[in-house]
Amino acid sequence: FDLLEKFDTINFQVIFTTGFDQYA
């Protein structure tokens, strides 16, 4: 998420990968 906040515009598709974090 910190990485995404570096971009003014996100012009690519994102597929998140994660361990179990229900909040996220």
mmCIF file of all heavy atoms, coordinates in Angstrom:
data_MODEL
# 
_entry.id   MODEL 
# 
loop_
_atom_site.group_PDB 
_atom_site.id 
_atom_site.type_symbol 
_atom_site.label_atom_id 
_atom_site.label_alt_id 
_atom_site.label_comp_id 
_atom_site.label_asym_id 
_atom_site.label_entity_id 
_atom_site.label_seq_id 
_atom_site.pdbx_PDB_ins_code 
_atom_site.Cartn_x 
_atom_site.Cartn_y 
_atom_site.Cartn_z 
_atom_site.occupancy 
_atom_site.B_iso_or_equiv 
_atom_site.pdbx_formal_charge 
_atom_site.auth_seq_id 
_atom_site.auth_comp_id 
_atom_site.auth_asym_id 
_atom_site.auth_atom_id 
_atom_site.pdbx_PDB_model_num 
ATOM 1   N N   . PHE A 1 1  ? 0.831   -1.205  0.000   1.00 0.00 ? 1  PHE A N   1 
ATOM 2   C CA  . PHE A 1 1  ? 0.000   0.000   0.000   1.00 0.00 ? 1  PHE A CA  1 
ATOM 3   C C   . PHE A 1 1  ? 0.872   1.264   0.000   1.00 0.00 ? 1  PHE A C   1 
ATOM 4   O O   . PHE A 1 1  ? 0.531   2.264   -0.633  1.00 0.00 ? 1  PHE A O   1 
ATOM 5   C CB  . PHE A 1 1  ? -0.938  0.003   1.211   1.00 0.00 ? 1  PHE A CB  1 
ATOM 6   C CG  . PHE A 1 1  ? -1.802  -1.224  1.295   1.00 0.00 ? 1  PHE A CG  1 
ATOM 7   C CD1 . PHE A 1 1  ? -1.840  -1.982  2.454   1.00 0.00 ? 1  PHE A CD1 1 
ATOM 8   C CD2 . PHE A 1 1  ? -2.577  -1.633  0.219   1.00 0.00 ? 1  PHE A CD2 1 
ATOM 9   C CE1 . PHE A 1 1  ? -2.625  -3.119  2.541   1.00 0.00 ? 1  PHE A CE1 1 
ATOM 10  C CE2 . PHE A 1 1  ? -3.373  -2.765  0.292   1.00 0.00 ? 1  PHE A CE2 1 
ATOM 11  C CZ  . PHE A 1 1  ? -3.402  -3.513  1.450   1.00 0.00 ? 1  PHE A CZ  1 
ATOM 12  N N   . ASP A 1 2  ? 1.991   1.196   0.712   1.00 0.00 ? 2  ASP A N   1 
ATOM 13  C CA  . ASP A 1 2  ? 2.932   2.327   0.704   1.00 0.00 ? 2  ASP A CA  1 
ATOM 14  C C   . ASP A 1 2  ? 3.458   2.571   -0.710  1.00 0.00 ? 2  ASP A C   1 
ATOM 15  O O   . ASP A 1 2  ? 3.646   3.719   -1.126  1.00 0.00 ? 2  ASP A O   1 
ATOM 16  C CB  . ASP A 1 2  ? 4.111   2.056   1.641   1.00 0.00 ? 2  ASP A CB  1 
ATOM 17  C CG  . ASP A 1 2  ? 3.701   1.968   3.101   1.00 0.00 ? 2  ASP A CG  1 
ATOM 18  O OD1 . ASP A 1 2  ? 2.758   2.679   3.488   1.00 0.00 ? 2  ASP A OD1 1 
ATOM 19  O OD2 . ASP A 1 2  ? 4.301   1.169   3.846   1.00 0.00 ? 2  ASP A OD2 1 
ATOM 20  N N   . LEU A 1 3  ? 3.677   1.494   -1.438  1.00 0.00 ? 3  LEU A N   1 
ATOM 21  C CA  . LEU A 1 3  ? 4.144   1.617   -2.817  1.00 0.00 ? 3  LEU A CA  1 
ATOM 22  C C   . LEU A 1 3  ? 3.102   2.330   -3.672  1.00 0.00 ? 3  LEU A C   1 
ATOM 23  O O   . LEU A 1 3  ? 3.424   3.248   -4.432  1.00 0.00 ? 3  LEU A O   1 
ATOM 24  C CB  . LEU A 1 3  ? 4.451   0.233   -3.398  1.00 0.00 ? 3  LEU A CB  1 
ATOM 25  C CG  . LEU A 1 3  ? 4.807   0.184   -4.886  1.00 0.00 ? 3  LEU A CG  1 
ATOM 26  C CD1 . LEU A 1 3  ? 6.071   0.972   -5.166  1.00 0.00 ? 3  LEU A CD1 1 
ATOM 27  C CD2 . LEU A 1 3  ? 4.960   -1.259  -5.358  1.00 0.00 ? 3  LEU A CD2 1 
ATOM 28  N N   . LEU A 1 4  ? 1.847   1.937   -3.544  1.00 0.00 ? 4  LEU A N   1 
ATOM 29  C CA  . LEU A 1 4  ? 0.790   2.548   -4.356  1.00 0.00 ? 4  LEU A CA  1 
ATOM 30  C C   . LEU A 1 4  ? 0.658   4.042   -4.084  1.00 0.00 ? 4  LEU A C   1 
ATOM 31  O O   . LEU A 1 4  ? 0.343   4.826   -4.986  1.00 0.00 ? 4  LEU A O   1 
ATOM 32  C CB  . LEU A 1 4  ? -0.547  1.844   -4.100  1.00 0.00 ? 4  LEU A CB  1 
ATOM 33  C CG  . LEU A 1 4  ? -0.644  0.391   -4.560  1.00 0.00 ? 4  LEU A CG  1 
ATOM 34  C CD1 . LEU A 1 4  ? -2.002  -0.175  -4.209  1.00 0.00 ? 4  LEU A CD1 1 
ATOM 35  C CD2 . LEU A 1 4  ? -0.379  0.263   -6.057  1.00 0.00 ? 4  LEU A CD2 1 
ATOM 36  N N   . GLU A 1 5  ? 0.906   4.435   -2.835  1.00 0.00 ? 5  GLU A N   1 
ATOM 37  C CA  . GLU A 1 5  ? 0.767   5.854   -2.485  1.00 0.00 ? 5  GLU A CA  1 
ATOM 38  C C   . GLU A 1 5  ? 1.854   6.715   -3.127  1.00 0.00 ? 5  GLU A C   1 
ATOM 39  O O   . GLU A 1 5  ? 1.727   7.935   -3.163  1.00 0.00 ? 5  GLU A O   1 
ATOM 40  C CB  . GLU A 1 5  ? 0.789   6.018   -0.967  1.00 0.00 ? 5  GLU A CB  1 
ATOM 41  C CG  . GLU A 1 5  ? -0.490  5.503   -0.308  1.00 0.00 ? 5  GLU A CG  1 
ATOM 42  C CD  . GLU A 1 5  ? -0.641  5.987   1.119   1.00 0.00 ? 5  GLU A CD  1 
ATOM 43  O OE1 . GLU A 1 5  ? 0.192   5.576   1.948   1.00 0.00 ? 5  GLU A OE1 1 
ATOM 44  O OE2 . GLU A 1 5  ? -1.584  6.760   1.380   1.00 0.00 ? 5  GLU A OE2 1 
ATOM 45  N N   . LYS A 1 6  ? 2.888   6.099   -3.668  1.00 0.00 ? 6  LYS A N   1 
ATOM 46  C CA  . LYS A 1 6  ? 3.942   6.850   -4.353  1.00 0.00 ? 6  LYS A CA  1 
ATOM 47  C C   . LYS A 1 6  ? 3.486   7.342   -5.727  1.00 0.00 ? 6  LYS A C   1 
ATOM 48  O O   . LYS A 1 6  ? 4.083   8.264   -6.294  1.00 0.00 ? 6  LYS A O   1 
ATOM 49  C CB  . LYS A 1 6  ? 5.195   5.977   -4.530  1.00 0.00 ? 6  LYS A CB  1 
ATOM 50  C CG  . LYS A 1 6  ? 5.958   5.680   -3.243  1.00 0.00 ? 6  LYS A CG  1 
ATOM 51  C CD  . LYS A 1 6  ? 7.129   4.737   -3.515  1.00 0.00 ? 6  LYS A CD  1 
ATOM 52  C CE  . LYS A 1 6  ? 7.991   4.541   -2.285  1.00 0.00 ? 6  LYS A CE  1 
ATOM 53  N NZ  . LYS A 1 6  ? 8.823   5.732   -2.000  1.00 0.00 ? 6  LYS A NZ  1 
ATOM 54  N N   . PHE A 1 7  ? 2.432   6.728   -6.270  1.00 0.00 ? 7  PHE A N   1 
ATOM 55  C CA  . PHE A 1 7  ? 1.986   7.057   -7.623  1.00 0.00 ? 7  PHE A CA  1 
ATOM 56  C C   . PHE A 1 7  ? 0.855   8.089   -7.585  1.00 0.00 ? 7  PHE A C   1 
ATOM 57  O O   . PHE A 1 7  ? -0.111  7.940   -6.848  1.00 0.00 ? 7  PHE A O   1 
ATOM 58  C CB  . PHE A 1 7  ? 1.488   5.805   -8.347  1.00 0.00 ? 7  PHE A CB  1 
ATOM 59  C CG  . PHE A 1 7  ? 2.571   4.809   -8.654  1.00 0.00 ? 7  PHE A CG  1 
ATOM 60  C CD1 . PHE A 1 7  ? 2.880   3.810   -7.743  1.00 0.00 ? 7  PHE A CD1 1 
ATOM 61  C CD2 . PHE A 1 7  ? 3.283   4.889   -9.835  1.00 0.00 ? 7  PHE A CD2 1 
ATOM 62  C CE1 . PHE A 1 7  ? 3.878   2.884   -8.012  1.00 0.00 ? 7  PHE A CE1 1 
ATOM 63  C CE2 . PHE A 1 7  ? 4.288   3.965   -10.114 1.00 0.00 ? 7  PHE A CE2 1 
ATOM 64  C CZ  . PHE A 1 7  ? 4.589   2.970   -9.203  1.00 0.00 ? 7  PHE A CZ  1 
ATOM 65  N N   . ASP A 1 8  ? 0.988   9.135   -8.407  1.00 0.00 ? 8  ASP A N   1 
ATOM 66  C CA  . ASP A 1 8  ? -0.107  10.095  -8.564  1.00 0.00 ? 8  ASP A CA  1 
ATOM 67  C C   . ASP A 1 8  ? -1.252  9.453   -9.341  1.00 0.00 ? 8  ASP A C   1 
ATOM 68  O O   . ASP A 1 8  ? -2.423  9.676   -9.048  1.00 0.00 ? 8  ASP A O   1 
ATOM 69  C CB  . ASP A 1 8  ? 0.373   11.346  -9.307  1.00 0.00 ? 8  ASP A CB  1 
ATOM 70  C CG  . ASP A 1 8  ? 1.395   12.130  -8.491  1.00 0.00 ? 8  ASP A CG  1 
ATOM 71  O OD1 . ASP A 1 8  ? 1.264   12.159  -7.256  1.00 0.00 ? 8  ASP A OD1 1 
ATOM 72  O OD2 . ASP A 1 8  ? 2.323   12.695  -9.097  1.00 0.00 ? 8  ASP A OD2 1 
ATOM 73  N N   . THR A 1 9  ? -0.890  8.671   -10.344 1.00 0.00 ? 9  THR A N   1 
ATOM 74  C CA  . THR A 1 9  ? -1.878  7.948   -11.150 1.00 0.00 ? 9  THR A CA  1 
ATOM 75  C C   . THR A 1 9  ? -1.446  6.499   -11.269 1.00 0.00 ? 9  THR A C   1 
ATOM 76  O O   . THR A 1 9  ? -0.288  6.214   -11.586 1.00 0.00 ? 9  THR A O   1 
ATOM 77  C CB  . THR A 1 9  ? -1.988  8.554   -12.563 1.00 0.00 ? 9  THR A CB  1 
ATOM 78  O OG1 . THR A 1 9  ? -2.338  9.932   -12.446 1.00 0.00 ? 9  THR A OG1 1 
ATOM 79  C CG2 . THR A 1 9  ? -3.053  7.828   -13.373 1.00 0.00 ? 9  THR A CG2 1 
ATOM 80  N N   . ILE A 1 10 ? -2.371  5.593   -11.019 1.00 0.00 ? 10 ILE A N   1 
ATOM 81  C CA  . ILE A 1 10 ? -2.085  4.160   -11.153 1.00 0.00 ? 10 ILE A CA  1 
ATOM 82  C C   . ILE A 1 10 ? -2.721  3.687   -12.457 1.00 0.00 ? 10 ILE A C   1 
ATOM 83  O O   . ILE A 1 10 ? -3.948  3.576   -12.565 1.00 0.00 ? 10 ILE A O   1 
ATOM 84  C CB  . ILE A 1 10 ? -2.635  3.374   -9.945  1.00 0.00 ? 10 ILE A CB  1 
ATOM 85  C CG1 . ILE A 1 10 ? -1.926  3.833   -8.663  1.00 0.00 ? 10 ILE A CG1 1 
ATOM 86  C CG2 . ILE A 1 10 ? -2.453  1.868   -10.152 1.00 0.00 ? 10 ILE A CG2 1 
ATOM 87  C CD1 . ILE A 1 10 ? -2.496  3.261   -7.392  1.00 0.00 ? 10 ILE A CD1 1 
ATOM 88  N N   . ASN A 1 11 ? -1.881  3.432   -13.454 1.00 0.00 ? 11 ASN A N   1 
ATOM 89  C CA  . ASN A 1 11 ? -2.399  3.062   -14.772 1.00 0.00 ? 11 ASN A CA  1 
ATOM 90  C C   . ASN A 1 11 ? -2.062  1.618   -15.122 1.00 0.00 ? 11 ASN A C   1 
ATOM 91  O O   . ASN A 1 11 ? -1.851  1.276   -16.282 1.00 0.00 ? 11 ASN A O   1 
ATOM 92  C CB  . ASN A 1 11 ? -1.872  4.010   -15.852 1.00 0.00 ? 11 ASN A CB  1 
ATOM 93  C CG  . ASN A 1 11 ? -0.359  4.130   -15.824 1.00 0.00 ? 11 ASN A CG  1 
ATOM 94  O OD1 . ASN A 1 11 ? 0.315   3.340   -15.146 1.00 0.00 ? 11 ASN A OD1 1 
ATOM 95  N ND2 . ASN A 1 11 ? 0.178   5.092   -16.544 1.00 0.00 ? 11 ASN A ND2 1 
ATOM 96  N N   . PHE A 1 12 ? -1.988  0.778   -14.088 1.00 0.00 ? 12 PHE A N   1 
ATOM 97  C CA  . PHE A 1 12 ? -1.761  -0.651  -14.279 1.00 0.00 ? 12 PHE A CA  1 
ATOM 98  C C   . PHE A 1 12 ? -2.720  -1.413  -13.368 1.00 0.00 ? 12 PHE A C   1 
ATOM 99  O O   . PHE A 1 12 ? -3.213  -0.873  -12.379 1.00 0.00 ? 12 PHE A O   1 
ATOM 100 C CB  . PHE A 1 12 ? -0.304  -1.029  -13.955 1.00 0.00 ? 12 PHE A CB  1 
ATOM 101 C CG  . PHE A 1 12 ? 0.206   -0.456  -12.655 1.00 0.00 ? 12 PHE A CG  1 
ATOM 102 C CD1 . PHE A 1 12 ? 0.003   -1.121  -11.446 1.00 0.00 ? 12 PHE A CD1 1 
ATOM 103 C CD2 . PHE A 1 12 ? 0.873   0.768   -12.635 1.00 0.00 ? 12 PHE A CD2 1 
ATOM 104 C CE1 . PHE A 1 12 ? 0.471   -0.590  -10.249 1.00 0.00 ? 12 PHE A CE1 1 
ATOM 105 C CE2 . PHE A 1 12 ? 1.334   1.312   -11.439 1.00 0.00 ? 12 PHE A CE2 1 
ATOM 106 C CZ  . PHE A 1 12 ? 1.132   0.634   -10.246 1.00 0.00 ? 12 PHE A CZ  1 
ATOM 107 N N   . GLN A 1 13 ? -2.980  -2.665  -13.724 1.00 0.00 ? 13 GLN A N   1 
ATOM 108 C CA  . GLN A 1 13 ? -3.820  -3.519  -12.893 1.00 0.00 ? 13 GLN A CA  1 
ATOM 109 C C   . GLN A 1 13 ? -3.006  -4.046  -11.720 1.00 0.00 ? 13 GLN A C   1 
ATOM 110 O O   . GLN A 1 13 ? -1.829  -4.359  -11.884 1.00 0.00 ? 13 GLN A O   1 
ATOM 111 C CB  . GLN A 1 13 ? -4.370  -4.694  -13.709 1.00 0.00 ? 13 GLN A CB  1 
ATOM 112 C CG  . GLN A 1 13 ? -5.216  -4.283  -14.915 1.00 0.00 ? 13 GLN A CG  1 
ATOM 113 C CD  . GLN A 1 13 ? -6.485  -3.574  -14.516 1.00 0.00 ? 13 GLN A CD  1 
ATOM 114 O OE1 . GLN A 1 13 ? -7.163  -3.979  -13.576 1.00 0.00 ? 13 GLN A OE1 1 
ATOM 115 N NE2 . GLN A 1 13 ? -6.818  -2.516  -15.235 1.00 0.00 ? 13 GLN A NE2 1 
ATOM 116 N N   . VAL A 1 14 ? -3.625  -4.150  -10.565 1.00 0.00 ? 14 VAL A N   1 
ATOM 117 C CA  . VAL A 1 14 ? -2.941  -4.677  -9.380  1.00 0.00 ? 14 VAL A CA  1 
ATOM 118 C C   . VAL A 1 14 ? -3.658  -5.929  -8.897  1.00 0.00 ? 14 VAL A C   1 
ATOM 119 O O   . VAL A 1 14 ? -4.889  -5.941  -8.753  1.00 0.00 ? 14 VAL A O   1 
ATOM 120 C CB  . VAL A 1 14 ? -2.898  -3.647  -8.237  1.00 0.00 ? 14 VAL A CB  1 
ATOM 121 C CG1 . VAL A 1 14 ? -2.274  -4.265  -6.984  1.00 0.00 ? 14 VAL A CG1 1 
ATOM 122 C CG2 . VAL A 1 14 ? -2.123  -2.410  -8.656  1.00 0.00 ? 14 VAL A CG2 1 
ATOM 123 N N   . ILE A 1 15 ? -2.886  -6.991  -8.690  1.00 0.00 ? 15 ILE A N   1 
ATOM 124 C CA  . ILE A 1 15 ? -3.396  -8.201  -8.035  1.00 0.00 ? 15 ILE A CA  1 
ATOM 125 C C   . ILE A 1 15 ? -2.591  -8.353  -6.752  1.00 0.00 ? 15 ILE A C   1 
ATOM 126 O O   . ILE A 1 15 ? -1.386  -8.624  -6.797  1.00 0.00 ? 15 ILE A O   1 
ATOM 127 C CB  . ILE A 1 15 ? -3.238  -9.442  -8.928  1.00 0.00 ? 15 ILE A CB  1 
ATOM 128 C CG1 . ILE A 1 15 ? -3.993  -9.264  -10.257 1.00 0.00 ? 15 ILE A CG1 1 
ATOM 129 C CG2 . ILE A 1 15 ? -3.755  -10.694 -8.194  1.00 0.00 ? 15 ILE A CG2 1 
ATOM 130 C CD1 . ILE A 1 15 ? -3.750  -10.384 -11.256 1.00 0.00 ? 15 ILE A CD1 1 
ATOM 131 N N   . PHE A 1 16 ? -3.232  -8.131  -5.620  1.00 0.00 ? 16 PHE A N   1 
ATOM 132 C CA  . PHE A 1 16 ? -2.544  -8.228  -4.337  1.00 0.00 ? 16 PHE A CA  1 
ATOM 133 C C   . PHE A 1 16 ? -2.289  -9.691  -3.978  1.00 0.00 ? 16 PHE A C   1 
ATOM 134 O O   . PHE A 1 16 ? -3.098  -10.566 -4.288  1.00 0.00 ? 16 PHE A O   1 
ATOM 135 C CB  . PHE A 1 16 ? -3.377  -7.580  -3.231  1.00 0.00 ? 16 PHE A CB  1 
ATOM 136 C CG  . PHE A 1 16 ? -3.522  -6.097  -3.373  1.00 0.00 ? 16 PHE A CG  1 
ATOM 137 C CD1 . PHE A 1 16 ? -4.663  -5.546  -3.927  1.00 0.00 ? 16 PHE A CD1 1 
ATOM 138 C CD2 . PHE A 1 16 ? -2.509  -5.245  -2.967  1.00 0.00 ? 16 PHE A CD2 1 
ATOM 139 C CE1 . PHE A 1 16 ? -4.805  -4.174  -4.065  1.00 0.00 ? 16 PHE A CE1 1 
ATOM 140 C CE2 . PHE A 1 16 ? -2.629  -3.870  -3.096  1.00 0.00 ? 16 PHE A CE2 1 
ATOM 141 C CZ  . PHE A 1 16 ? -3.785  -3.333  -3.656  1.00 0.00 ? 16 PHE A CZ  1 
ATOM 142 N N   . THR A 1 17 ? -1.173  -9.943  -3.328  1.00 0.00 ? 17 THR A N   1 
ATOM 143 C CA  . THR A 1 17 ? -0.906  -11.272 -2.769  1.00 0.00 ? 17 THR A CA  1 
ATOM 144 C C   . THR A 1 17 ? -0.667  -11.087 -1.277  1.00 0.00 ? 17 THR A C   1 
ATOM 145 O O   . THR A 1 17 ? 0.042   -10.168 -0.868  1.00 0.00 ? 17 THR A O   1 
ATOM 146 C CB  . THR A 1 17 ? 0.333   -11.925 -3.421  1.00 0.00 ? 17 THR A CB  1 
ATOM 147 O OG1 . THR A 1 17 ? 1.471   -11.087 -3.236  1.00 0.00 ? 17 THR A OG1 1 
ATOM 148 C CG2 . THR A 1 17 ? 0.102   -12.150 -4.909  1.00 0.00 ? 17 THR A CG2 1 
ATOM 149 N N   . THR A 1 18 ? -1.278  -11.941 -0.474  1.00 0.00 ? 18 THR A N   1 
ATOM 150 C CA  . THR A 1 18 ? -1.194  -11.719 0.963   1.00 0.00 ? 18 THR A CA  1 
ATOM 151 C C   . THR A 1 18 ? -1.392  -12.993 1.762   1.00 0.00 ? 18 THR A C   1 
ATOM 152 O O   . THR A 1 18 ? -2.055  -13.927 1.308   1.00 0.00 ? 18 THR A O   1 
ATOM 153 C CB  . THR A 1 18 ? -2.273  -10.693 1.407   1.00 0.00 ? 18 THR A CB  1 
ATOM 154 O OG1 . THR A 1 18 ? -2.198  -10.502 2.818   1.00 0.00 ? 18 THR A OG1 1 
ATOM 155 C CG2 . THR A 1 18 ? -3.669  -11.159 1.048   1.00 0.00 ? 18 THR A CG2 1 
ATOM 156 N N   . GLY A 1 19 ? -0.810  -13.037 2.945   1.00 0.00 ? 19 GLY A N   1 
ATOM 157 C CA  . GLY A 1 19 ? -1.170  -14.028 3.927   1.00 0.00 ? 19 GLY A CA  1 
ATOM 158 C C   . GLY A 1 19 ? -2.484  -13.583 4.535   1.00 0.00 ? 19 GLY A C   1 
ATOM 159 O O   . GLY A 1 19 ? -3.036  -12.549 4.160   1.00 0.00 ? 19 GLY A O   1 
ATOM 160 N N   . PHE A 1 20 ? -3.006  -14.309 5.502   1.00 0.00 ? 20 PHE A N   1 
ATOM 161 C CA  . PHE A 1 20 ? -4.333  -13.984 6.032   1.00 0.00 ? 20 PHE A CA  1 
ATOM 162 C C   . PHE A 1 20 ? -4.287  -12.744 6.907   1.00 0.00 ? 20 PHE A C   1 
ATOM 163 O O   . PHE A 1 20 ? -3.723  -12.732 7.987   1.00 0.00 ? 20 PHE A O   1 
ATOM 164 C CB  . PHE A 1 20 ? -4.898  -15.154 6.834   1.00 0.00 ? 20 PHE A CB  1 
ATOM 165 C CG  . PHE A 1 20 ? -6.328  -14.954 7.238   1.00 0.00 ? 20 PHE A CG  1 
ATOM 166 C CD1 . PHE A 1 20 ? -7.340  -15.153 6.322   1.00 0.00 ? 20 PHE A CD1 1 
ATOM 167 C CD2 . PHE A 1 20 ? -6.657  -14.541 8.507   1.00 0.00 ? 20 PHE A CD2 1 
ATOM 168 C CE1 . PHE A 1 20 ? -8.663  -14.959 6.678   1.00 0.00 ? 20 PHE A CE1 1 
ATOM 169 C CE2 . PHE A 1 20 ? -7.976  -14.339 8.880   1.00 0.00 ? 20 PHE A CE2 1 
ATOM 170 C CZ  . PHE A 1 20 ? -8.983  -14.552 7.957   1.00 0.00 ? 20 PHE A CZ  1 
ATOM 171 N N   . ASP A 1 21 ? -4.855  -11.675 6.419   1.00 0.00 ? 21 ASP A N   1 
ATOM 172 C CA  . ASP A 1 21 ? -5.011  -10.433 7.170   1.00 0.00 ? 21 ASP A CA  1 
ATOM 173 C C   . ASP A 1 21 ? -6.416  -9.936  6.881   1.00 0.00 ? 21 ASP A C   1 
ATOM 174 O O   . ASP A 1 21 ? -6.656  -9.257  5.879   1.00 0.00 ? 21 ASP A O   1 
ATOM 175 C CB  . ASP A 1 21 ? -3.958  -9.401  6.736   1.00 0.00 ? 21 ASP A CB  1 
ATOM 176 C CG  . ASP A 1 21 ? -4.069  -8.089  7.500   1.00 0.00 ? 21 ASP A CG  1 
ATOM 177 O OD1 . ASP A 1 21 ? -5.116  -7.855  8.125   1.00 0.00 ? 21 ASP A OD1 1 
ATOM 178 O OD2 . ASP A 1 21 ? -3.119  -7.302  7.469   1.00 0.00 ? 21 ASP A OD2 1 
ATOM 179 N N   . GLN A 1 22 ? -7.364  -10.290 7.737   1.00 0.00 ? 22 GLN A N   1 
ATOM 180 C CA  . GLN A 1 22 ? -8.766  -10.017 7.461   1.00 0.00 ? 22 GLN A CA  1 
ATOM 181 C C   . GLN A 1 22 ? -9.034  -8.532  7.268   1.00 0.00 ? 22 GLN A C   1 
ATOM 182 O O   . GLN A 1 22 ? -9.853  -8.132  6.449   1.00 0.00 ? 22 GLN A O   1 
ATOM 183 C CB  . GLN A 1 22 ? -9.660  -10.565 8.583   1.00 0.00 ? 22 GLN A CB  1 
ATOM 184 C CG  . GLN A 1 22 ? -11.153 -10.508 8.268   1.00 0.00 ? 22 GLN A CG  1 
ATOM 185 C CD  . GLN A 1 22 ? -11.507 -11.262 6.995   1.00 0.00 ? 22 GLN A CD  1 
ATOM 186 O OE1 . GLN A 1 22 ? -11.164 -12.419 6.818   1.00 0.00 ? 22 GLN A OE1 1 
ATOM 187 N NE2 . GLN A 1 22 ? -12.185 -10.592 6.078   1.00 0.00 ? 22 GLN A NE2 1 
ATOM 188 N N   . TYR A 1 23 ? -8.326  -7.709  8.027   1.00 0.00 ? 23 TYR A N   1 
ATOM 189 C CA  . TYR A 1 23 ? -8.531  -6.261  7.913   1.00 0.00 ? 23 TYR A CA  1 
ATOM 190 C C   . TYR A 1 23 ? -8.189  -5.771  6.510   1.00 0.00 ? 23 TYR A C   1 
ATOM 191 O O   . TYR A 1 23 ? -8.960  -5.051  5.879   1.00 0.00 ? 23 TYR A O   1 
ATOM 192 C CB  . TYR A 1 23 ? -7.679  -5.545  8.958   1.00 0.00 ? 23 TYR A CB  1 
ATOM 193 C CG  . TYR A 1 23 ? -7.862  -4.050  8.984   1.00 0.00 ? 23 TYR A CG  1 
ATOM 194 C CD1 . TYR A 1 23 ? -9.059  -3.485  9.420   1.00 0.00 ? 23 TYR A CD1 1 
ATOM 195 C CD2 . TYR A 1 23 ? -6.834  -3.203  8.587   1.00 0.00 ? 23 TYR A CD2 1 
ATOM 196 C CE1 . TYR A 1 23 ? -9.228  -2.110  9.445   1.00 0.00 ? 23 TYR A CE1 1 
ATOM 197 C CE2 . TYR A 1 23 ? -6.993  -1.823  8.614   1.00 0.00 ? 23 TYR A CE2 1 
ATOM 198 C CZ  . TYR A 1 23 ? -8.191  -1.288  9.052   1.00 0.00 ? 23 TYR A CZ  1 
ATOM 199 O OH  . TYR A 1 23 ? -8.353  0.081   9.075   1.00 0.00 ? 23 TYR A OH  1 
ATOM 200 N N   . ALA A 1 24 ? -7.019  -6.181  6.008   1.00 0.00 ? 24 ALA A N   1 
ATOM 201 C CA  . ALA A 1 24 ? -6.600  -5.766  4.673   1.00 0.00 ? 24 ALA A CA  1 
ATOM 202 C C   . ALA A 1 24 ? -7.498  -6.376  3.604   1.00 0.00 ? 24 ALA A C   1 
ATOM 203 O O   . ALA A 1 24 ? -7.884  -5.710  2.640   1.00 0.00 ? 24 ALA A O   1 
ATOM 204 C CB  . ALA A 1 24 ? -5.145  -6.164  4.430   1.00 0.00 ? 24 ALA A CB  1 
# 
